[in-house]
C-alpha atoms as a PDB file:
ATOM      1  CA  MET A   1      82.349-161.659 204.254  1.00  0.00           C
ATOM      2  CA  ARG A   2      84.144-161.063 201.026  1.00  0.00           C
ATOM      3  CA  LYS A   3      81.966-163.584 199.175  1.00  0.00           C
ATOM      4  CA  LEU A   4      78.808-161.890 200.530  1.00  0.00           C
ATOM      5  CA  ASN A   5      80.059-158.457 199.303  1.00  0.00           C
ATOM      6  CA  ILE A   6      80.666-159.913 195.791  1.00  0.00           C
ATOM      7  CA  ILE A   7      77.121-161.391 195.781  1.00  0.00           C
ATOM      8  CA  VAL A   8      75.566-158.068 196.878  1.00  0.00           C
ATOM      9  CA  LEU A   9      77.584-156.134 194.173  1.00  0.00           C
ATOM     10  CA  PHE A  10      76.484-158.619 191.552  1.00  0.00           C
ATOM     11  CA  LEU A  11      72.834-158.275 192.544  1.00  0.00           C
ATOM     12  CA  LEU A  12      73.044-154.421 192.405  1.00  0.00           C
ATOM     13  CA  VAL A  13      74.623-154.466 188.884  1.00  0.00           C
ATOM     14  CA  THR A  14      72.128-156.933 187.658  1.00  0.00           C
ATOM     15  CA  THR A  15      69.196-154.932 189.060  1.00  0.00           C
ATOM     16  CA  GLN A  16      70.355-151.741 187.378  1.00  0.00           C
ATOM     17  CA  ALA A  17      70.847-153.546 184.045  1.00  0.00           C
ATOM     18  CA  VAL A  18      67.311-154.898 184.279  1.00  0.00           C
ATOM     19  CA  ILE A  19      65.829-151.507 185.175  1.00  0.00           C
ATOM     20  CA  ALA A  20      67.739-149.829 182.308  1.00  0.00           C
ATOM     21  CA  GLN A  21      66.586-152.476 179.823  1.00  0.00           C
ATOM     22  CA  THR A  22      62.939-152.053 180.960  1.00  0.00           C
ATOM     23  CA  ALA A  23      63.216-148.361 180.546  1.00  0.00           C
ATOM     24  CA  ASN A  24      64.576-148.679 177.002  1.00  0.00           C
ATOM     25  CA  THR A  25      62.221-151.474 175.759  1.00  0.00           C
ATOM     26  CA  GLY A  26      59.253-151.492 178.060  1.00  0.00           C
ATOM     27  CA  ASN A  27      57.860-148.188 176.874  1.00  0.00           C
ATOM     28  CA  LYS A  28      58.565-147.254 173.285  1.00  0.00           C
ATOM     29  CA  LYS A  29      56.459-144.034 173.420  1.00  0.00           C
ATOM     30  CA  LYS A  30      58.706-141.011 174.096  1.00  0.00           C
ATOM     31  CA  THR A  31      57.499-138.594 176.699  1.00  0.00           C
ATOM     32  CA  VAL A  32      58.767-135.026 177.130  1.00  0.00           C
ATOM     33  CA  LYS A  33      59.772-133.692 180.439  1.00  0.00           C
ATOM     34  CA  LEU A  34      60.755-130.003 180.999  1.00  0.00           C
ATOM     35  CA  VAL A  35      63.673-129.286 183.305  1.00  0.00           C
ATOM     36  CA  LYS A  36      64.955-126.020 184.430  1.00  0.00           C
ATOM     37  CA  ALA A  37      68.719-125.239 184.620  1.00  0.00           C
ATOM     38  CA  HIS A  38      69.279-122.601 187.390  1.00  0.00           C
ATOM     39  CA  ARG A  39      72.677-121.156 187.971  1.00  0.00           C
ATOM     40  CA  ALA A  40      72.244-117.788 189.527  1.00  0.00           C
ATOM     41  CA  THR A  41      74.224-116.935 192.718  1.00  0.00           C
ATOM     42  CA  MET A  42      72.333-113.879 194.046  1.00  0.00           C
ATOM     43  CA  VAL A  43      68.912-115.561 194.051  1.00  0.00           C
ATOM     44  CA  LEU A  44      67.460-116.157 197.421  1.00  0.00           C
ATOM     45  CA  ASN A  45      64.262-118.002 196.374  1.00  0.00           C
ATOM     46  CA  ILE A  46      62.329-119.016 193.211  1.00  0.00           C
ATOM     47  CA  HIS A  47      58.610-118.414 193.302  1.00  0.00           C
ATOM     48  CA  ASP A  48      56.371-121.359 192.436  1.00  0.00           C
ATOM     49  CA  THR A  49      53.595-118.904 191.570  1.00  0.00           C
ATOM     50  CA  VAL A  50      54.439-115.610 189.760  1.00  0.00           C
ATOM     51  CA  GLY A  51      52.830-112.250 190.508  1.00  0.00           C
ATOM     52  CA  LYS A  52      51.360-111.928 187.072  1.00  0.00           C
ATOM     53  CA  LYS A  53      52.484-108.295 186.547  1.00  0.00           C
ATOM     54  CA  ALA A  54      56.097-107.981 185.687  1.00  0.00           C
ATOM     55  CA  GLN A  55      55.935-104.770 183.683  1.00  0.00           C
ATOM     56  CA  GLY A  56      57.132-102.422 186.422  1.00  0.00           C
ATOM     57  CA  ARG A  57      58.844 -99.517 184.818  1.00  0.00           C
ATOM     58  CA  TYR A  58      57.567-100.595 181.391  1.00  0.00           C
ATOM     59  CA  ALA A  59      53.902-100.366 182.444  1.00  0.00           C
ATOM     60  CA  ASP A  60      53.369 -97.136 180.481  1.00  0.00           C
ATOM     61  CA  LEU A  61      54.883 -98.500 177.167  1.00  0.00           C
ATOM     62  CA  PRO A  62      52.732-100.414 174.703  1.00  0.00           C
ATOM     63  CA  LYS A  63      52.332-104.174 174.716  1.00  0.00           C
ATOM     64  CA  LEU A  64      54.459-106.323 172.524  1.00  0.00           C
ATOM     65  CA  GLY A  65      52.434-107.108 169.359  1.00  0.00           C
ATOM     66  CA  THR A  66      50.754-103.690 169.268  1.00  0.00           C
ATOM     67  CA  VAL A  67      50.286-102.474 165.738  1.00  0.00           C
ATOM     68  CA  ILE A  68      50.619 -98.675 165.004  1.00  0.00           C
ATOM     69  CA  GLY A  69      49.657 -96.903 161.781  1.00  0.00           C
ATOM     70  CA  THR A  70      52.782 -94.750 161.353  1.00  0.00           C
ATOM     71  CA  LEU A  71      56.291 -95.085 162.756  1.00  0.00           C
ATOM     72  CA  PRO A  72      57.585 -92.757 165.534  1.00  0.00           C
ATOM     73  CA  VAL A  73      59.324 -89.676 164.326  1.00  0.00           C
ATOM     74  CA  HIS A  74      63.091 -90.085 163.549  1.00  0.00           C
ATOM     75  CA  SER A  75      62.949 -93.910 163.711  1.00  0.00           C
ATOM     76  CA  VAL A  76      66.094 -95.524 162.267  1.00  0.00           C
ATOM     77  CA  VAL A  77      66.362 -98.695 160.042  1.00  0.00           C
ATOM     78  CA  VAL A  78      68.184-101.584 161.522  1.00  0.00           C
ATOM     79  CA  MET A  79      68.800-104.392 158.912  1.00  0.00           C
ATOM     80  CA  LYS A  80      69.106-108.068 159.694  1.00  0.00           C
ATOM     81  CA  ASP A  81      69.166-110.643 156.966  1.00  0.00           C
ATOM     82  CA  SER A  82      67.715-108.226 154.394  1.00  0.00           C
ATOM     83  CA  THR A  83      64.795-107.558 156.768  1.00  0.00           C
ATOM     84  CA  PRO A  84      64.263-103.859 157.899  1.00  0.00           C
ATOM     85  CA  TYR A  85      63.521-103.331 161.519  1.00  0.00           C
ATOM     86  CA  TYR A  86      62.569 -99.789 162.689  1.00  0.00           C
ATOM     87  CA  TYR A  87      64.118 -98.595 165.940  1.00  0.00           C
ATOM     88  CA  LYS A  88      63.183 -95.671 168.298  1.00  0.00           C
ATOM     89  CA  ASN A  89      63.975 -95.305 172.010  1.00  0.00           C
ATOM     90  CA  GLY A  90      64.565 -98.994 172.679  1.00  0.00           C
ATOM     91  CA  LEU A  91      61.454-100.224 170.771  1.00  0.00           C
ATOM     92  CA  TYR A  92      61.573-102.124 167.524  1.00  0.00           C
ATOM     93  CA  TYR A  93      58.875-102.309 164.864  1.00  0.00           C
ATOM     94  CA  LEU A  94      58.444-104.610 161.918  1.00  0.00           C
ATOM     95  CA  PRO A  95      56.300-103.903 158.803  1.00  0.00           C
ATOM     96  CA  HIS A  96      52.771-105.173 159.273  1.00  0.00           C
ATOM     97  CA  PRO A  97      49.770-105.219 156.771  1.00  0.00           C
ATOM     98  CA  LYS A  98      48.075-102.622 158.996  1.00  0.00           C
ATOM     99  CA  GLY A  99      51.134-100.616 159.728  1.00  0.00           C
ATOM    100  CA  PHE A 100      54.054-101.470 162.011  1.00  0.00           C
ATOM    101  CA  GLN A 101      54.117-104.019 164.818  1.00  0.00           C
ATOM    102  CA  LEU A 102      56.020-103.723 168.076  1.00  0.00           C
ATOM    103  CA  ILE A 103      58.325-106.849 168.320  1.00  0.00           C
ATOM    104  CA  LEU A 104      61.336-108.227 170.116  1.00  0.00           C
ATOM    105  CA  PRO A 105      64.250-107.836 167.602  1.00  0.00           C
ATOM    106  CA  PRO A 106      66.340-110.855 166.554  1.00  0.00           C
ATOM    107  CA  ALA A 107      69.817-111.405 167.802  1.00  0.00           C
ATOM    108  CA  GLY A 108      72.496-110.065 165.610  1.00  0.00           C
ATOM    109  CA  CYS A 109      70.936-106.592 165.077  1.00  0.00           C
ATOM    110  CA  ARG A 110      73.252-103.702 165.982  1.00  0.00           C
ATOM    111  CA  ILE A 111      72.461-100.187 167.122  1.00  0.00           C
ATOM    112  CA  ASN A 112      74.590 -97.163 167.781  1.00  0.00           C
ATOM    113  CA  GLY A 113      74.284 -96.259 171.545  1.00  0.00           C
ATOM    114  CA  LEU A 114      72.049 -97.698 174.141  1.00  0.00           C
ATOM    115  CA  PRO A 115      68.484 -96.670 174.771  1.00  0.00           C
ATOM    116  CA  ILE A 116      67.764 -94.259 177.683  1.00  0.00           C
ATOM    117  CA  GLY A 117      66.917 -96.270 180.766  1.00  0.00           C
ATOM    118  CA  TYR A 118      68.878 -99.407 180.091  1.00  0.00           C
ATOM    119  CA  ARG A 119      70.241-101.524 182.902  1.00  0.00           C
ATOM    120  CA  ARG A 120      73.595-103.178 183.366  1.00  0.00           C
ATOM    121  CA  VAL A 121      73.250-106.911 184.040  1.00  0.00           C
ATOM    122  CA  ARG A 122      76.145-108.953 185.321  1.00  0.00           C
ATOM    123  CA  VAL A 123      76.343-112.659 184.657  1.00  0.00           C
ATOM    124  CA  GLY A 124      79.558-114.165 186.224  1.00  0.00           C
ATOM    125  CA  GLU A 125      82.348-111.869 184.851  1.00  0.00           C
ATOM    126  CA  LYS A 126      80.429-110.496 181.901  1.00  0.00           C
ATOM    127  CA  ILE A 127      78.424-107.323 181.724  1.00  0.00           C
ATOM    128  CA  TYR A 128      75.372-107.066 179.481  1.00  0.00           C
ATOM    129  CA  PHE A 129      72.852-104.289 178.875  1.00  0.00           C
ATOM    130  CA  TYR A 130      69.124-104.680 179.066  1.00  0.00           C
ATOM    131  CA  TYR A 131      66.112-102.754 178.055  1.00  0.00           C
ATOM    132  CA  PHE A 132      62.445-103.784 177.357  1.00  0.00           C
ATOM    133  CA  GLY A 133      63.073-107.527 176.940  1.00  0.00           C
ATOM    134  CA  THR A 134      66.278-107.057 174.815  1.00  0.00           C
ATOM    135  CA  PHE A 135      69.840-107.889 175.802  1.00  0.00           C
ATOM    136  CA  TYR A 136      72.853-106.126 174.274  1.00  0.00           C
ATOM    137  CA  GLU A 137      76.509-106.654 174.243  1.00  0.00           C
ATOM    138  CA  GLN A 138      79.042-104.080 173.410  1.00  0.00           C
ATOM    139  CA  ALA A 139      80.722-104.727 170.073  1.00  0.00           C
ATOM    140  CA  GLY A 140      84.424-104.273 170.739  1.00  0.00           C
ATOM    141  CA  SER A 141      85.385-100.921 172.102  1.00  0.00           C
ATOM    142  CA  SER A 142      82.941 -99.037 169.888  1.00  0.00           C
ATOM    143  CA  ASP A 143      79.722 -97.359 170.678  1.00  0.00           C
ATOM    144  CA  ASN A 144      77.889-100.050 168.691  1.00  0.00           C
ATOM    145  CA  TYR A 145      75.922-102.675 170.621  1.00  0.00           C
ATOM    146  CA  GLU A 146      74.763-106.024 169.324  1.00  0.00           C
ATOM    147  CA  ILE A 147      71.533-107.724 170.335  1.00  0.00           C
ATOM    148  CA  ILE A 148      72.163-111.149 171.784  1.00  0.00           C
ATOM    149  CA  LYS A 149      70.019-114.045 172.998  1.00  0.00           C
ATOM    150  CA  ALA A 150      69.019-113.738 176.632  1.00  0.00           C
ATOM    151  CA  PRO A 151      71.966-115.052 178.661  1.00  0.00           C
ATOM    152  CA  ASP A 152      71.191-117.881 181.111  1.00  0.00           C
ATOM    153  CA  GLY A 153      71.266-116.548 184.702  1.00  0.00           C
ATOM    154  CA  ALA A 154      70.652-112.892 183.812  1.00  0.00           C
ATOM    155  CA  ILE A 155      68.412-111.162 186.341  1.00  0.00           C
ATOM    156  CA  VAL A 156      66.297-108.242 185.201  1.00  0.00           C
ATOM    157  CA  ASP A 157      64.073-105.836 187.036  1.00  0.00           C
ATOM    158  CA  ALA A 158      61.002-105.797 184.692  1.00  0.00           C
ATOM    159  CA  LEU A 159      59.586-107.436 181.552  1.00  0.00           C
ATOM    160  CA  PRO A 160      57.591-105.775 178.823  1.00  0.00           C
ATOM    161  CA  ASP A 161      53.903-106.515 178.658  1.00  0.00           C
ATOM    162  CA  GLY A 162      53.114-109.340 176.199  1.00  0.00           C
ATOM    163  CA  TYR A 163      54.567-112.313 178.052  1.00  0.00           C
ATOM    164  CA  LYS A 164      52.659-115.470 178.835  1.00  0.00           C
ATOM    165  CA  ILE A 165      52.501-117.430 182.076  1.00  0.00           C
ATOM    166  CA  GLN A 166      53.493-121.024 181.606  1.00  0.00           C
ATOM    167  CA  LYS A 167      53.718-123.783 184.279  1.00  0.00           C
ATOM    168  CA  VAL A 168      56.545-126.301 184.101  1.00  0.00           C
ATOM    169  CA  ASP A 169      56.813-129.072 186.732  1.00  0.00           C
ATOM    170  CA  ASN A 170      54.268-127.135 188.892  1.00  0.00           C
ATOM    171  CA  VAL A 171      56.254-123.979 188.756  1.00  0.00           C
ATOM    172  CA  GLU A 172      55.057-120.923 186.886  1.00  0.00           C
ATOM    173  CA  TYR A 173      57.383-119.007 184.650  1.00  0.00           C
ATOM    174  CA  TYR A 174      57.063-115.956 182.362  1.00  0.00           C
ATOM    175  CA  LEU A 175      57.527-116.838 178.704  1.00  0.00           C
ATOM    176  CA  LEU A 176      58.601-113.821 176.698  1.00  0.00           C
ATOM    177  CA  GLY A 177      59.282-114.667 173.067  1.00  0.00           C
ATOM    178  CA  ASP A 178      61.177-117.907 173.315  1.00  0.00           C
ATOM    179  CA  THR A 179      62.832-117.000 176.766  1.00  0.00           C
ATOM    180  CA  TYR A 180      61.678-118.253 180.075  1.00  0.00           C
ATOM    181  CA  TYR A 181      61.998-116.048 183.196  1.00  0.00           C
ATOM    182  CA  ALA A 182      61.633-117.221 186.850  1.00  0.00           C
ATOM    183  CA  GLU A 183      60.214-114.740 189.428  1.00  0.00           C
ATOM    184  CA  VAL A 184      62.902-114.672 192.148  1.00  0.00           C
ATOM    185  CA  ASP A 185      63.706-112.971 195.436  1.00  0.00           C
ATOM    186  CA  VAL A 186      66.873-111.072 195.017  1.00  0.00           C
ATOM    187  CA  GLN A 187      68.810-108.491 197.009  1.00  0.00           C
ATOM    188  CA  ASN A 188      69.125-104.783 196.167  1.00  0.00           C
ATOM    189  CA  ARG A 189      66.185-104.601 193.757  1.00  0.00           C
ATOM    190  CA  ASP A 190      62.914-102.761 193.832  1.00  0.00           C
ATOM    191  CA  TYR A 191      60.601-104.730 196.098  1.00  0.00           C
ATOM    192  CA  ASN A 192      63.360-107.388 196.271  1.00  0.00           C
ATOM    193  CA  ILE A 193      61.819-109.071 193.158  1.00  0.00           C
ATOM    194  CA  GLY A 194      63.724-109.983 189.975  1.00  0.00           C
ATOM    195  CA  TYR A 195      63.237-111.969 186.835  1.00  0.00           C
ATOM    196  CA  GLU A 196      65.865-114.519 186.013  1.00  0.00           C
ATOM    197  CA  VAL A 197      66.505-116.072 182.593  1.00  0.00           C
ATOM    198  CA  VAL A 198      66.323-119.899 182.988  1.00  0.00           C
ATOM    199  CA  THR A 199      66.844-122.631 180.430  1.00  0.00           C
ATOM    200  CA  ILE A 200      64.072-125.027 179.817  1.00  0.00           C
ATOM    201  CA  ILE A 201      65.413-128.325 178.356  1.00  0.00           C
ATOM    202  CA  GLN A 202      63.434-130.990 176.709  1.00  0.00           C
ATOM    203  CA  THR A 203      64.535-134.462 177.690  1.00  0.00           C
ATOM    204  CA  TYR A 204      63.118-137.821 176.530  1.00  0.00           C
END
């Protein structure tokens, strides 16, 4: 019996080695597979097909990419890497040949105070602040808030218009800037729908 177990173990190890070698040498062309990393705890279900309209409370605000001729009155300048961004009421504009374009600001920008209508977003033990596609983190104990990259697992109640719908492994996601959001069933939200930040990883 012991001899039989040794033979079976040897065959398993040999088979795995052959499979691994075939995978490494049999196909030299690299293929890309997109994989989602999902770590939220309050999510009940991820939708394979999204509802296409995630604007919600931002529906009356302009679409990302919109170009305006003049800046809103009392806009303030927010500098990042010597580039001026113009800020007013949670919206950011960048100089454009035809005026100023509504954009998502880069991480690292800081503002004084949060825009009216922001939402608190908890991820684990951390609290972030969210408005119109932008996440903020309080800078120390001050009234300054720094823009951060969308934290994985954060669930928000709406996305600004200007996103794309992209399918990955037969599941549709919202792509806003370079951030993917899954449409999910959640508790204690309007219509019980939320939009969760997920990480899409390229593996070869």
